[in-house]
Amino acid sequence: MVYQVKKLRIETRSDADKLYAELKLNFDTERLQDGNVILVIDDIAEDVRRYLIDMKVQSIKKDQLLSIGKEFHESEDRQKVLRVIYEEFRRDYSSAIK
């Protein structure tokens, strides 16, 4: 299982097609065909999310990840999860600035 963090909003199938082409460059075909790629994204339209699922790419919104972090009862576990989320998004946002 691999994931890619994107700071995007995907609203159209055209956007999804462009993103899928990028994923094909970043990950091997077998991973994509097996459905082992998860896209972590700022926001995605529901119909586009389903379109990507048909192409075997799962997606999860950043807000959903943050909600998952709240479900951890142990503060240490919650901090670890939120730290990973923070670091991955920080890395992606800072790469756009350079």
Protein backbone atom coordinates (compact mmCIF):
# COMPACT_ATOMS: atom_id res chain seq x y z
CA MET A 1 0.00 0.00 0.00
CA VAL A 2 1.31 3.43 -0.91
CA TYR A 3 -0.14 6.88 -0.61
CA GLN A 4 0.40 10.28 -2.13
CA VAL A 5 -0.50 13.56 -0.49
CA LYS A 6 -1.89 16.27 -2.75
CA LYS A 7 -2.86 19.80 -1.85
CA LEU A 8 -5.51 19.85 -4.53
CA ARG A 9 -9.20 20.11 -4.99
CA ILE A 10 -10.37 17.76 -7.67
CA GLU A 11 -13.74 18.64 -9.09
CA THR A 12 -13.83 17.23 -12.62
CA ARG A 13 -13.06 13.98 -14.38
CA SER A 14 -10.51 15.86 -16.46
CA ASP A 15 -8.67 16.78 -13.24
CA ALA A 16 -8.88 13.14 -12.16
CA ASP A 17 -7.45 11.95 -15.49
CA LYS A 18 -4.49 14.31 -15.12
CA LEU A 19 -3.94 13.12 -11.57
CA TYR A 20 -4.15 9.48 -12.63
CA ALA A 21 -1.51 10.11 -15.31
CA GLU A 22 0.74 11.56 -12.60
CA LEU A 23 0.12 8.55 -10.36
CA LYS A 24 1.11 6.27 -13.23
CA LEU A 25 4.46 8.07 -13.36
CA ASN A 26 4.99 7.82 -9.60
CA PHE A 27 3.82 4.25 -8.94
CA ASP A 28 4.17 1.01 -10.82
CA THR A 29 1.24 -0.31 -12.83
CA GLU A 30 0.79 -3.34 -10.60
CA ARG A 31 0.13 -1.21 -7.53
CA LEU A 32 -2.44 0.83 -9.42
CA GLN A 33 -4.16 -2.22 -10.90
CA ASP A 34 -4.27 -3.94 -7.50
CA GLY A 35 -5.87 -0.87 -5.90
CA ASN A 36 -2.93 -0.28 -3.57
CA VAL A 37 -2.72 3.50 -4.04
CA ILE A 38 -4.45 5.89 -1.67
CA LEU A 39 -4.69 9.58 -2.46
CA VAL A 40 -4.77 11.96 0.51
CA ILE A 41 -6.25 15.22 -0.72
CA ASP A 42 -7.69 18.51 0.47
CA ASP A 43 -11.05 18.04 -1.23
CA ILE A 44 -12.64 15.92 -3.93
CA ALA A 45 -16.08 15.92 -5.53
CA GLU A 46 -18.04 12.77 -4.71
CA ASP A 47 -18.64 11.79 -8.36
CA VAL A 48 -14.93 12.22 -9.09
CA ARG A 49 -14.04 10.15 -6.01
CA ARG A 50 -16.20 7.34 -7.39
CA TYR A 51 -14.61 7.77 -10.82
CA LEU A 52 -11.17 7.28 -9.25
CA ILE A 53 -12.42 4.25 -7.34
CA ASP A 54 -13.42 2.74 -10.69
CA MET A 55 -9.77 3.25 -11.69
CA LYS A 56 -8.81 1.52 -8.41
CA VAL A 57 -7.50 4.65 -6.71
CA GLN A 58 -8.89 5.26 -3.22
CA SER A 59 -9.00 8.75 -1.76
CA ILE A 60 -9.39 10.27 1.66
CA LYS A 61 -9.80 13.92 2.50
CA LYS A 62 -7.48 15.65 4.92
CA ASP A 63 -10.44 16.49 7.16
CA GLN A 64 -11.37 12.80 7.32
CA LEU A 65 -7.84 11.95 8.44
CA LEU A 66 -8.01 14.55 11.16
CA SER A 67 -11.30 13.05 12.32
CA ILE A 68 -9.67 9.62 12.49
CA GLY A 69 -6.96 11.10 14.69
CA LYS A 70 -9.62 12.23 17.15
CA GLU A 71 -10.79 8.64 17.57
CA PHE A 72 -7.59 7.59 19.35
CA HIS A 73 -8.23 7.63 23.08
CA GLU A 74 -4.57 7.66 24.13
CA SER A 75 -3.15 11.14 23.68
CA GLU A 76 0.25 9.74 22.71
CA ASP A 77 -1.28 7.70 19.86
CA ARG A 78 -3.35 10.68 18.72
CA GLN A 79 -0.24 12.89 18.69
CA LYS A 80 1.65 10.36 16.57
CA VAL A 81 -1.14 10.16 14.00
CA LEU A 82 -1.60 13.91 13.83
CA ARG A 83 2.19 14.44 13.59
CA VAL A 84 2.37 12.17 10.52
CA ILE A 85 -0.56 13.99 8.92
CA TYR A 86 1.02 17.36 9.67
CA GLU A 87 4.46 16.37 8.36
CA GLU A 88 3.13 14.92 5.11
CA PHE A 89 0.99 17.96 4.30
CA ARG A 90 3.77 20.35 5.36
CA ARG A 91 6.17 18.58 3.00
CA ASP A 92 3.73 18.78 0.10
CA TYR A 93 2.82 22.42 0.69
CA SER A 94 6.45 23.48 1.09
CA SER A 95 7.45 21.72 -2.13
CA ALA A 96 5.00 23.95 -4.00
CA ILE A 97 6.68 27.06 -2.57
CA LYS A 98 10.20 26.18 -3.74
